[in-house]
Amino acid sequence: MKKLNVIDFDNTLIPFDSFRFYVKKGIKKLSVLFILYTVARIFRLIDNETFKQKIIKLNPYNKTEINSFQIYIINSIDQVILDKVKKHTSENTVNVICSASPDFYISEIAKKLNMIGYGSFVNSKKEFFHMYGQRKVEFIKKKYPLDEYEYNYAISDSKSDLLLLSMFKEHELLEK
């Protein structure tokens, strides 16, 4: 049986919120819709899930900008957290980064770390899947069933991940 480690991304593997950083950089591109969605979120006219959905669909970046963004994020990884994950990793372990941030960059960053990554995404039916809280738990259970995987280690900074963390033999909720 394979072991499974699940690692939260924002404020855990990296010391900041990558989506917030992504949005701040996007505002500089002066896309009218991008700015309107951001203002609507600031004034709480739309919730976080709706905001992410709109921004992910809009994606104002080209491939070079996304690569530059990913390199910046990779260079920001907290080595102490990465070492904790490595301590719980053997050759029979699958390390999964699971994040509410957009899948298109989470999955690519994870690949560069020799891990698997999942983030929030819009599926082929144009439905938005917000990888957060209970949905994150359901996703992991479906993708990595307990009859095939031993839930070995999980780490997160967010209380929204408490249920997820409790499923693992060892887990850490980081103090903010």
N, C-alpha and C. Protein backbone atom coordinates (compact mmCIF):
# COMPACT_ATOMS: atom_id res chain seq x y z
N MET A 1 0.84 -1.19 0.00
CA MET A 1 0.00 0.00 0.00
C MET A 1 0.88 1.24 0.00
N LYS A 2 0.54 2.20 -0.85
CA LYS A 2 1.30 3.45 -0.92
C LYS A 2 0.92 4.37 0.23
N LYS A 3 1.88 5.18 0.63
CA LYS A 3 1.62 6.20 1.64
C LYS A 3 1.27 7.51 0.94
N LEU A 4 0.41 8.29 1.58
CA LEU A 4 0.00 9.57 1.03
C LEU A 4 0.31 10.69 2.01
N ASN A 5 0.99 11.70 1.52
CA ASN A 5 1.21 12.94 2.26
C ASN A 5 0.47 14.05 1.51
N VAL A 6 -0.23 14.91 2.25
CA VAL A 6 -0.92 16.04 1.64
C VAL A 6 -0.39 17.32 2.26
N ILE A 7 0.00 18.23 1.39
CA ILE A 7 0.62 19.48 1.81
C ILE A 7 -0.22 20.64 1.31
N ASP A 8 -0.65 21.49 2.23
CA ASP A 8 -1.31 22.74 1.85
C ASP A 8 -0.25 23.65 1.25
N PHE A 9 -0.65 24.57 0.42
CA PHE A 9 0.31 25.41 -0.30
C PHE A 9 0.48 26.80 0.31
N ASP A 10 -0.56 27.61 0.22
CA ASP A 10 -0.47 29.00 0.66
C ASP A 10 -0.34 29.12 2.17
N ASN A 11 0.63 29.89 2.60
CA ASN A 11 0.92 30.10 4.02
C ASN A 11 1.35 28.82 4.73
N THR A 12 1.69 27.80 3.96
CA THR A 12 2.22 26.55 4.51
C THR A 12 3.53 26.24 3.79
N LEU A 13 3.44 25.74 2.56
CA LEU A 13 4.67 25.44 1.80
C LEU A 13 5.37 26.72 1.37
N ILE A 14 4.59 27.75 1.14
CA ILE A 14 5.17 29.08 0.90
C ILE A 14 4.63 30.02 1.99
N PRO A 15 5.37 31.05 2.33
CA PRO A 15 4.98 31.89 3.48
C PRO A 15 4.01 33.03 3.16
N PHE A 16 3.25 32.92 2.09
CA PHE A 16 2.28 33.94 1.71
C PHE A 16 1.18 33.31 0.87
N ASP A 17 0.19 34.11 0.53
CA ASP A 17 -0.93 33.65 -0.28
C ASP A 17 -0.60 33.89 -1.76
N SER A 18 -0.35 32.83 -2.49
CA SER A 18 0.05 32.96 -3.89
C SER A 18 -1.05 33.56 -4.76
N PHE A 19 -2.30 33.27 -4.46
CA PHE A 19 -3.38 33.82 -5.26
C PHE A 19 -3.47 35.32 -5.08
N ARG A 20 -3.31 35.79 -3.86
CA ARG A 20 -3.33 37.24 -3.61
C ARG A 20 -2.18 37.91 -4.39
N PHE A 21 -1.02 37.28 -4.38
CA PHE A 21 0.14 37.79 -5.12
C PHE A 21 -0.16 37.81 -6.62
N TYR A 22 -0.79 36.75 -7.11
CA TYR A 22 -1.19 36.62 -8.51
C TYR A 22 -2.13 37.76 -8.90
N VAL A 23 -3.10 38.05 -8.04
CA VAL A 23 -4.07 39.11 -8.31
C VAL A 23 -3.37 40.47 -8.32
N LYS A 24 -2.51 40.72 -7.35
CA LYS A 24 -1.80 42.01 -7.30
C LYS A 24 -0.99 42.24 -8.57
N LYS A 25 -0.33 41.20 -9.06
CA LYS A 25 0.43 41.34 -10.30
C LYS A 25 -0.51 41.56 -11.49
N GLY A 26 -1.67 40.91 -11.48
CA GLY A 26 -2.64 41.02 -12.57
C GLY A 26 -3.25 42.39 -12.68
N ILE A 27 -3.41 43.07 -11.57
CA ILE A 27 -4.00 44.42 -11.59
C ILE A 27 -3.13 45.36 -12.43
N LYS A 28 -1.82 45.14 -12.43
CA LYS A 28 -0.91 45.99 -13.20
C LYS A 28 -1.16 45.87 -14.71
N LYS A 29 -1.80 44.80 -15.13
CA LYS A 29 -2.08 44.62 -16.55
C LYS A 29 -3.27 45.48 -17.01
N LEU A 30 -3.97 46.05 -16.05
CA LEU A 30 -5.07 46.97 -16.29
C LEU A 30 -6.21 46.40 -17.15
N SER A 31 -6.48 45.13 -16.96
CA SER A 31 -7.65 44.54 -17.59
C SER A 31 -8.88 45.05 -16.85
N VAL A 32 -9.83 45.59 -17.57
CA VAL A 32 -11.01 46.20 -16.96
C VAL A 32 -11.77 45.17 -16.11
N LEU A 33 -12.02 44.00 -16.68
CA LEU A 33 -12.74 42.96 -15.92
C LEU A 33 -11.96 42.53 -14.69
N PHE A 34 -10.66 42.37 -14.84
CA PHE A 34 -9.81 41.96 -13.72
C PHE A 34 -9.95 42.97 -12.57
N ILE A 35 -9.87 44.24 -12.90
CA ILE A 35 -9.98 45.30 -11.89
C ILE A 35 -11.39 45.33 -11.29
N LEU A 36 -12.42 45.19 -12.12
CA LEU A 36 -13.80 45.19 -11.62
C LEU A 36 -14.03 44.05 -10.63
N TYR A 37 -13.57 42.84 -10.98
CA TYR A 37 -13.73 41.70 -10.08
C TYR A 37 -12.98 41.94 -8.77
N THR A 38 -11.79 42.51 -8.87
CA THR A 38 -10.99 42.77 -7.67
C THR A 38 -11.68 43.80 -6.77
N VAL A 39 -12.19 44.85 -7.35
CA VAL A 39 -12.91 45.87 -6.56
C VAL A 39 -14.16 45.26 -5.93
N ALA A 40 -14.88 44.44 -6.70
CA ALA A 40 -16.08 43.79 -6.16
C ALA A 40 -15.72 42.89 -4.97
N ARG A 41 -14.58 42.24 -5.05
CA ARG A 41 -14.15 41.38 -3.93
C ARG A 41 -13.73 42.23 -2.73
N ILE A 42 -12.99 43.29 -2.97
CA ILE A 42 -12.54 44.16 -1.88
C ILE A 42 -13.74 44.68 -1.09
N PHE A 43 -14.81 45.05 -1.78
CA PHE A 43 -16.00 45.58 -1.12
C PHE A 43 -17.00 44.48 -0.76
N ARG A 44 -16.55 43.23 -0.88
CA ARG A 44 -17.34 42.06 -0.51
C ARG A 44 -18.67 41.97 -1.25
N LEU A 45 -18.66 42.42 -2.49
CA LEU A 45 -19.84 42.28 -3.33
C LEU A 45 -19.92 40.89 -3.94
N ILE A 46 -18.77 40.21 -4.00
CA ILE A 46 -18.72 38.81 -4.40
C ILE A 46 -17.88 38.05 -3.37
N ASP A 47 -18.19 36.77 -3.19
CA ASP A 47 -17.44 35.97 -2.21
C ASP A 47 -16.12 35.48 -2.83
N ASN A 48 -15.28 34.90 -1.98
CA ASN A 48 -13.96 34.46 -2.41
C ASN A 48 -14.03 33.40 -3.51
N GLU A 49 -14.96 32.47 -3.39
CA GLU A 49 -15.09 31.42 -4.39
C GLU A 49 -15.47 31.99 -5.75
N THR A 50 -16.43 32.88 -5.79
CA THR A 50 -16.84 33.52 -7.05
C THR A 50 -15.70 34.32 -7.64
N PHE A 51 -14.99 35.05 -6.79
CA PHE A 51 -13.85 35.84 -7.24
C PHE A 51 -12.79 34.94 -7.89
N LYS A 52 -12.44 33.85 -7.23
CA LYS A 52 -11.44 32.93 -7.81
C LYS A 52 -11.91 32.39 -9.14
N GLN A 53 -13.17 32.00 -9.20
CA GLN A 53 -13.72 31.47 -10.44
C GLN A 53 -13.58 32.48 -11.57
N LYS A 54 -13.95 33.72 -11.33
CA LYS A 54 -13.87 34.76 -12.36
C LYS A 54 -12.43 35.01 -12.80
N ILE A 55 -11.52 35.09 -11.84
CA ILE A 55 -10.11 35.38 -12.15
C ILE A 55 -9.48 34.20 -12.90
N ILE A 56 -9.78 32.97 -12.48
CA ILE A 56 -9.22 31.80 -13.16
C ILE A 56 -9.70 31.76 -14.62
N LYS A 57 -10.97 32.03 -14.83
CA LYS A 57 -11.49 32.04 -16.21
C LYS A 57 -10.88 33.16 -17.04
N LEU A 58 -10.64 34.29 -16.41
CA LEU A 58 -10.09 35.46 -17.10
C LEU A 58 -8.61 35.29 -17.44
N ASN A 59 -7.83 34.78 -16.51
CA ASN A 59 -6.38 34.58 -16.63
C ASN A 59 -5.69 35.53 -17.62
N PRO A 60 -5.27 36.69 -17.15
CA PRO A 60 -4.71 37.71 -18.04
C PRO A 60 -3.23 37.51 -18.39
N TYR A 61 -2.64 36.41 -17.97
CA TYR A 61 -1.20 36.22 -18.15
C TYR A 61 -0.87 35.41 -19.39
N ASN A 62 0.29 35.72 -19.98
CA ASN A 62 0.79 34.88 -21.07
C ASN A 62 1.72 33.82 -20.46
N LYS A 63 2.18 32.90 -21.29
CA LYS A 63 2.99 31.76 -20.81
C LYS A 63 4.29 32.22 -20.14
N THR A 64 4.95 33.22 -20.69
CA THR A 64 6.20 33.73 -20.11
C THR A 64 5.96 34.32 -18.72
N GLU A 65 4.87 35.06 -18.57
CA GLU A 65 4.54 35.65 -17.27
C GLU A 65 4.20 34.57 -16.24
N ILE A 66 3.49 33.54 -16.68
CA ILE A 66 3.15 32.44 -15.76
C ILE A 66 4.43 31.72 -15.33
N ASN A 67 5.34 31.47 -16.27
CA ASN A 67 6.61 30.81 -15.92
C ASN A 67 7.41 31.65 -14.93
N SER A 68 7.46 32.94 -15.13
CA SER A 68 8.15 33.84 -14.22
C SER A 68 7.50 33.82 -12.83
N PHE A 69 6.18 33.82 -12.81
CA PHE A 69 5.42 33.74 -11.56
C PHE A 69 5.76 32.44 -10.82
N GLN A 70 5.78 31.32 -11.55
CA GLN A 70 6.06 30.02 -10.95
C GLN A 70 7.48 29.97 -10.38
N ILE A 71 8.43 30.53 -11.10
CA ILE A 71 9.82 30.56 -10.61
C ILE A 71 9.91 31.35 -9.32
N TYR A 72 9.24 32.50 -9.27
CA TYR A 72 9.22 33.30 -8.05
C TYR A 72 8.64 32.49 -6.88
N ILE A 73 7.55 31.79 -7.13
CA ILE A 73 6.90 30.99 -6.09
C ILE A 73 7.83 29.86 -5.62
N ILE A 74 8.43 29.16 -6.56
CA ILE A 74 9.34 28.06 -6.20
C ILE A 74 10.51 28.57 -5.36
N ASN A 75 11.03 29.72 -5.71
CA ASN A 75 12.13 30.30 -4.93
C ASN A 75 11.69 30.77 -3.54
N SER A 76 10.39 30.84 -3.32
CA SER A 76 9.84 31.28 -2.03
C SER A 76 9.47 30.12 -1.10
N ILE A 77 9.67 28.89 -1.56
CA ILE A 77 9.27 27.73 -0.75
C ILE A 77 10.02 27.71 0.58
N ASP A 78 9.27 27.42 1.62
CA ASP A 78 9.83 27.34 2.97
C ASP A 78 10.56 26.00 3.12
N GLN A 79 11.87 26.06 3.19
CA GLN A 79 12.69 24.85 3.25
C GLN A 79 12.41 24.02 4.51
N VAL A 80 12.05 24.67 5.60
CA VAL A 80 11.73 23.94 6.84
C VAL A 80 10.51 23.04 6.62
N ILE A 81 9.50 23.57 5.95
CA ILE A 81 8.29 22.79 5.66
C ILE A 81 8.62 21.67 4.68
N LEU A 82 9.38 21.99 3.66
CA LEU A 82 9.77 20.97 2.69
C LEU A 82 10.55 19.84 3.38
N ASP A 83 11.41 20.18 4.32
CA ASP A 83 12.17 19.17 5.07
C ASP A 83 11.24 18.30 5.92
N LYS A 84 10.19 18.89 6.49
CA LYS A 84 9.22 18.11 7.26
C LYS A 84 8.54 17.08 6.35
N VAL A 85 8.19 17.50 5.15
CA VAL A 85 7.55 16.59 4.20
C VAL A 85 8.52 15.49 3.82
N LYS A 86 9.77 15.85 3.54
CA LYS A 86 10.78 14.85 3.17
C LYS A 86 11.00 13.83 4.28
N LYS A 87 10.92 14.28 5.52
CA LYS A 87 11.08 13.39 6.68
C LYS A 87 10.00 12.30 6.70
N HIS A 88 8.84 12.60 6.18
CA HIS A 88 7.72 11.67 6.14
C HIS A 88 7.58 10.97 4.79
N THR A 89 8.61 11.08 3.96
CA THR A 89 8.55 10.54 2.60
C THR A 89 9.54 9.40 2.42
N SER A 90 9.06 8.32 1.83
CA SER A 90 9.91 7.21 1.42
C SER A 90 9.67 6.99 -0.07
N GLU A 91 10.31 5.98 -0.65
CA GLU A 91 10.11 5.75 -2.09
C GLU A 91 8.70 5.28 -2.40
N ASN A 92 7.95 4.88 -1.38
CA ASN A 92 6.59 4.39 -1.55
C ASN A 92 5.54 5.47 -1.19
N THR A 93 5.96 6.73 -1.19
CA THR A 93 5.08 7.82 -0.76
C THR A 93 4.71 8.72 -1.94
N VAL A 94 3.45 9.08 -1.98
CA VAL A 94 2.96 10.05 -2.96
C VAL A 94 2.75 11.36 -2.20
N ASN A 95 3.45 12.41 -2.64
CA ASN A 95 3.31 13.73 -2.04
C ASN A 95 2.40 14.58 -2.92
N VAL A 96 1.32 15.09 -2.30
CA VAL A 96 0.31 15.84 -3.03
C VAL A 96 0.17 17.24 -2.42
N ILE A 97 0.35 18.24 -3.26
CA ILE A 97 0.05 19.61 -2.86
C ILE A 97 -1.41 19.84 -3.21
N CYS A 98 -2.17 20.31 -2.24
CA CYS A 98 -3.59 20.52 -2.44
C CYS A 98 -3.91 21.94 -1.98
N SER A 99 -4.46 22.75 -2.90
CA SER A 99 -4.61 24.18 -2.63
C SER A 99 -5.88 24.76 -3.22
N ALA A 100 -6.39 25.78 -2.57
CA ALA A 100 -7.52 26.53 -3.12
C ALA A 100 -7.08 27.48 -4.24
N SER A 101 -5.79 27.69 -4.38
CA SER A 101 -5.26 28.53 -5.45
C SER A 101 -5.44 27.83 -6.80
N PRO A 102 -5.32 28.56 -7.90
CA PRO A 102 -5.59 27.99 -9.23
C PRO A 102 -4.72 26.79 -9.60
N ASP A 103 -5.39 25.78 -10.12
CA ASP A 103 -4.72 24.54 -10.51
C ASP A 103 -3.66 24.74 -11.58
N PHE A 104 -3.88 25.67 -12.51
CA PHE A 104 -2.95 25.79 -13.63
C PHE A 104 -1.53 26.13 -13.17
N TYR A 105 -1.36 26.79 -12.04
CA TYR A 105 0.01 26.98 -11.57
C TYR A 105 0.37 26.05 -10.42
N ILE A 106 -0.58 25.62 -9.62
CA ILE A 106 -0.27 24.68 -8.53
C ILE A 106 0.25 23.36 -9.11
N SER A 107 -0.42 22.84 -10.12
CA SER A 107 0.00 21.56 -10.70
C SER A 107 1.40 21.66 -11.32
N GLU A 108 1.71 22.77 -11.96
CA GLU A 108 3.03 22.94 -12.58
C GLU A 108 4.13 23.10 -11.53
N ILE A 109 3.86 23.84 -10.49
CA ILE A 109 4.85 24.00 -9.41
C ILE A 109 5.10 22.65 -8.74
N ALA A 110 4.04 21.90 -8.50
CA ALA A 110 4.19 20.58 -7.88
C ALA A 110 5.07 19.67 -8.74
N LYS A 111 4.87 19.68 -10.04
CA LYS A 111 5.70 18.86 -10.94
C LYS A 111 7.17 19.20 -10.78
N LYS A 112 7.47 20.48 -10.67
CA LYS A 112 8.86 20.91 -10.52
C LYS A 112 9.46 20.46 -9.19
N LEU A 113 8.59 20.13 -8.24
CA LEU A 113 9.04 19.64 -6.92
C LEU A 113 8.95 18.12 -6.83
N ASN A 114 8.69 17.46 -7.96
CA ASN A 114 8.49 16.01 -8.00
C ASN A 114 7.33 15.57 -7.11
N MET A 115 6.28 16.36 -7.14
CA MET A 115 5.05 16.06 -6.40
C MET A 115 3.89 16.12 -7.39
N ILE A 116 2.70 15.88 -6.87
CA ILE A 116 1.48 16.02 -7.65
C ILE A 116 0.74 17.20 -7.04
N GLY A 117 0.15 18.04 -7.88
CA GLY A 117 -0.54 19.22 -7.35
C GLY A 117 -1.93 19.37 -7.90
N TYR A 118 -2.83 19.81 -7.02
CA TYR A 118 -4.21 20.08 -7.40
C TYR A 118 -4.62 21.41 -6.78
N GLY A 119 -5.31 22.20 -7.58
CA GLY A 119 -5.85 23.46 -7.09
C GLY A 119 -7.25 23.66 -7.63
N SER A 120 -7.82 24.79 -7.37
CA SER A 120 -9.17 25.12 -7.86
C SER A 120 -9.15 25.19 -9.38
N PHE A 121 -10.23 24.73 -10.00
CA PHE A 121 -10.26 24.66 -11.46
C PHE A 121 -11.67 24.77 -11.99
N VAL A 122 -11.77 25.03 -13.28
CA VAL A 122 -13.03 25.01 -14.00
C VAL A 122 -13.01 23.75 -14.86
N ASN A 123 -14.00 22.87 -14.67
CA ASN A 123 -14.00 21.60 -15.41
C ASN A 123 -14.53 21.77 -16.83
N SER A 124 -14.58 20.67 -17.56
CA SER A 124 -15.01 20.71 -18.97
C SER A 124 -16.46 21.16 -19.14
N LYS A 125 -17.26 21.06 -18.08
CA LYS A 125 -18.65 21.52 -18.12
C LYS A 125 -18.77 22.98 -17.70
N LYS A 126 -17.62 23.66 -17.56
CA LYS A 126 -17.56 25.07 -17.15
C LYS A 126 -18.02 25.29 -15.70
N GLU A 127 -17.95 24.20 -14.90
CA GLU A 127 -18.29 24.29 -13.48
C GLU A 127 -17.01 24.54 -12.69
N PHE A 128 -17.11 25.38 -11.68
CA PHE A 128 -15.95 25.73 -10.86
C PHE A 128 -15.86 24.80 -9.66
N PHE A 129 -14.67 24.23 -9.45
CA PHE A 129 -14.41 23.39 -8.28
C PHE A 129 -13.42 24.14 -7.39
N HIS A 130 -13.91 24.62 -6.26
CA HIS A 130 -13.08 25.36 -5.30
C HIS A 130 -12.47 24.36 -4.33
N MET A 131 -11.17 24.14 -4.45
CA MET A 131 -10.45 23.15 -3.64
C MET A 131 -10.22 23.73 -2.24
N TYR A 132 -11.29 23.66 -1.43
CA TYR A 132 -11.25 24.31 -0.13
C TYR A 132 -12.14 23.55 0.85
N GLY A 133 -11.68 23.41 2.09
CA GLY A 133 -12.49 22.83 3.15
C GLY A 133 -12.98 21.43 2.83
N GLN A 134 -14.29 21.24 2.95
CA GLN A 134 -14.91 19.93 2.73
C GLN A 134 -14.65 19.41 1.32
N ARG A 135 -14.62 20.27 0.34
CA ARG A 135 -14.36 19.82 -1.04
C ARG A 135 -12.96 19.23 -1.18
N LYS A 136 -12.01 19.79 -0.46
CA LYS A 136 -10.65 19.26 -0.47
C LYS A 136 -10.65 17.83 0.10
N VAL A 137 -11.37 17.63 1.19
CA VAL A 137 -11.49 16.31 1.81
C VAL A 137 -12.10 15.32 0.83
N GLU A 138 -13.21 15.68 0.22
CA GLU A 138 -13.90 14.81 -0.73
C GLU A 138 -13.01 14.49 -1.92
N PHE A 139 -12.29 15.47 -2.41
CA PHE A 139 -11.39 15.26 -3.55
C PHE A 139 -10.31 14.24 -3.20
N ILE A 140 -9.67 14.41 -2.05
CA ILE A 140 -8.60 13.49 -1.64
C ILE A 140 -9.15 12.07 -1.45
N LYS A 141 -10.29 11.94 -0.80
CA LYS A 141 -10.88 10.62 -0.58
C LYS A 141 -11.19 9.92 -1.90
N LYS A 142 -11.68 10.69 -2.88
CA LYS A 142 -12.03 10.09 -4.17
C LYS A 142 -10.79 9.76 -4.99
N LYS A 143 -9.83 10.67 -5.02
CA LYS A 143 -8.63 10.49 -5.85
C LYS A 143 -7.66 9.47 -5.23
N TYR A 144 -7.63 9.42 -3.89
CA TYR A 144 -6.70 8.55 -3.17
C TYR A 144 -7.48 7.73 -2.13
N PRO A 145 -8.21 6.71 -2.58
CA PRO A 145 -9.06 5.94 -1.66
C PRO A 145 -8.25 5.19 -0.59
N LEU A 146 -8.85 5.10 0.58
CA LEU A 146 -8.20 4.47 1.74
C LEU A 146 -7.86 3.00 1.51
N ASP A 147 -8.53 2.34 0.62
CA ASP A 147 -8.19 0.93 0.36
C ASP A 147 -6.94 0.79 -0.50
N GLU A 148 -6.44 1.90 -1.03
CA GLU A 148 -5.21 1.88 -1.84
C GLU A 148 -4.08 2.70 -1.23
N TYR A 149 -4.43 3.62 -0.32
CA TYR A 149 -3.43 4.53 0.24
C TYR A 149 -3.52 4.58 1.76
N GLU A 150 -2.37 4.64 2.38
CA GLU A 150 -2.30 4.88 3.82
C GLU A 150 -2.12 6.39 3.99
N TYR A 151 -3.04 7.02 4.69
CA TYR A 151 -2.97 8.46 4.90
C TYR A 151 -1.91 8.72 5.97
N ASN A 152 -0.74 9.09 5.51
CA ASN A 152 0.46 9.13 6.33
C ASN A 152 0.68 10.46 7.05
N TYR A 153 0.76 11.57 6.29
CA TYR A 153 1.14 12.85 6.88
C TYR A 153 0.46 13.98 6.12
N ALA A 154 -0.02 14.97 6.86
CA ALA A 154 -0.62 16.17 6.26
C ALA A 154 -0.19 17.38 7.07
N ILE A 155 -0.04 18.51 6.36
CA ILE A 155 0.35 19.75 7.01
C ILE A 155 -0.40 20.91 6.37
N SER A 156 -0.87 21.83 7.22
CA SER A 156 -1.60 23.00 6.75
C SER A 156 -1.53 24.10 7.81
N ASP A 157 -1.81 25.31 7.37
CA ASP A 157 -1.89 26.45 8.30
C ASP A 157 -3.34 26.82 8.60
N SER A 158 -4.29 26.19 7.91
CA SER A 158 -5.67 26.65 7.93
C SER A 158 -6.60 25.75 8.72
N LYS A 159 -7.41 26.36 9.56
CA LYS A 159 -8.42 25.60 10.30
C LYS A 159 -9.46 25.00 9.37
N SER A 160 -9.58 25.53 8.17
CA SER A 160 -10.51 24.94 7.20
C SER A 160 -10.06 23.55 6.77
N ASP A 161 -8.81 23.19 7.09
CA ASP A 161 -8.28 21.87 6.75
C ASP A 161 -8.28 20.91 7.94
N LEU A 162 -8.91 21.27 9.04
CA LEU A 162 -8.89 20.40 10.23
C LEU A 162 -9.44 19.01 9.96
N LEU A 163 -10.54 18.91 9.23
CA LEU A 163 -11.10 17.59 8.91
C LEU A 163 -10.11 16.79 8.06
N LEU A 164 -9.52 17.43 7.09
CA LEU A 164 -8.51 16.77 6.25
C LEU A 164 -7.35 16.28 7.11
N LEU A 165 -6.82 17.14 7.94
CA LEU A 165 -5.69 16.78 8.80
C LEU A 165 -6.02 15.59 9.69
N SER A 166 -7.23 15.56 10.21
CA SER A 166 -7.62 14.49 11.15
C SER A 166 -7.66 13.12 10.49
N MET A 167 -7.68 13.05 9.19
CA MET A 167 -7.72 11.78 8.48
C MET A 167 -6.34 11.11 8.42
N PHE A 168 -5.29 11.84 8.76
CA PHE A 168 -3.94 11.35 8.59
C PHE A 168 -3.32 10.85 9.90
N LYS A 169 -2.48 9.83 9.76
CA LYS A 169 -1.80 9.25 10.93
C LYS A 169 -1.04 10.32 11.69
N GLU A 170 -0.30 11.13 10.97
CA GLU A 170 0.42 12.28 11.56
C GLU A 170 -0.01 13.54 10.81
N HIS A 171 -0.18 14.61 11.56
CA HIS A 171 -0.56 15.87 10.92
C HIS A 171 -0.11 17.05 11.77
N GLU A 172 -0.01 18.20 11.08
CA GLU A 172 0.37 19.43 11.76
C GLU A 172 -0.52 20.57 11.28
N LEU A 173 -1.02 21.32 12.25
CA LEU A 173 -1.70 22.58 11.95
C LEU A 173 -0.74 23.67 12.42
N LEU A 174 -0.20 24.40 11.47
CA LEU A 174 0.80 25.41 11.79
C LEU A 174 0.15 26.60 12.48
N GLU A 175 0.85 27.15 13.43
CA GLU A 175 0.40 28.34 14.14
C GLU A 175 0.69 29.57 13.27
N LYS A 176 -0.24 30.48 13.26
CA LYS A 176 -0.03 31.72 12.46
C LYS A 176 0.55 32.79 13.33
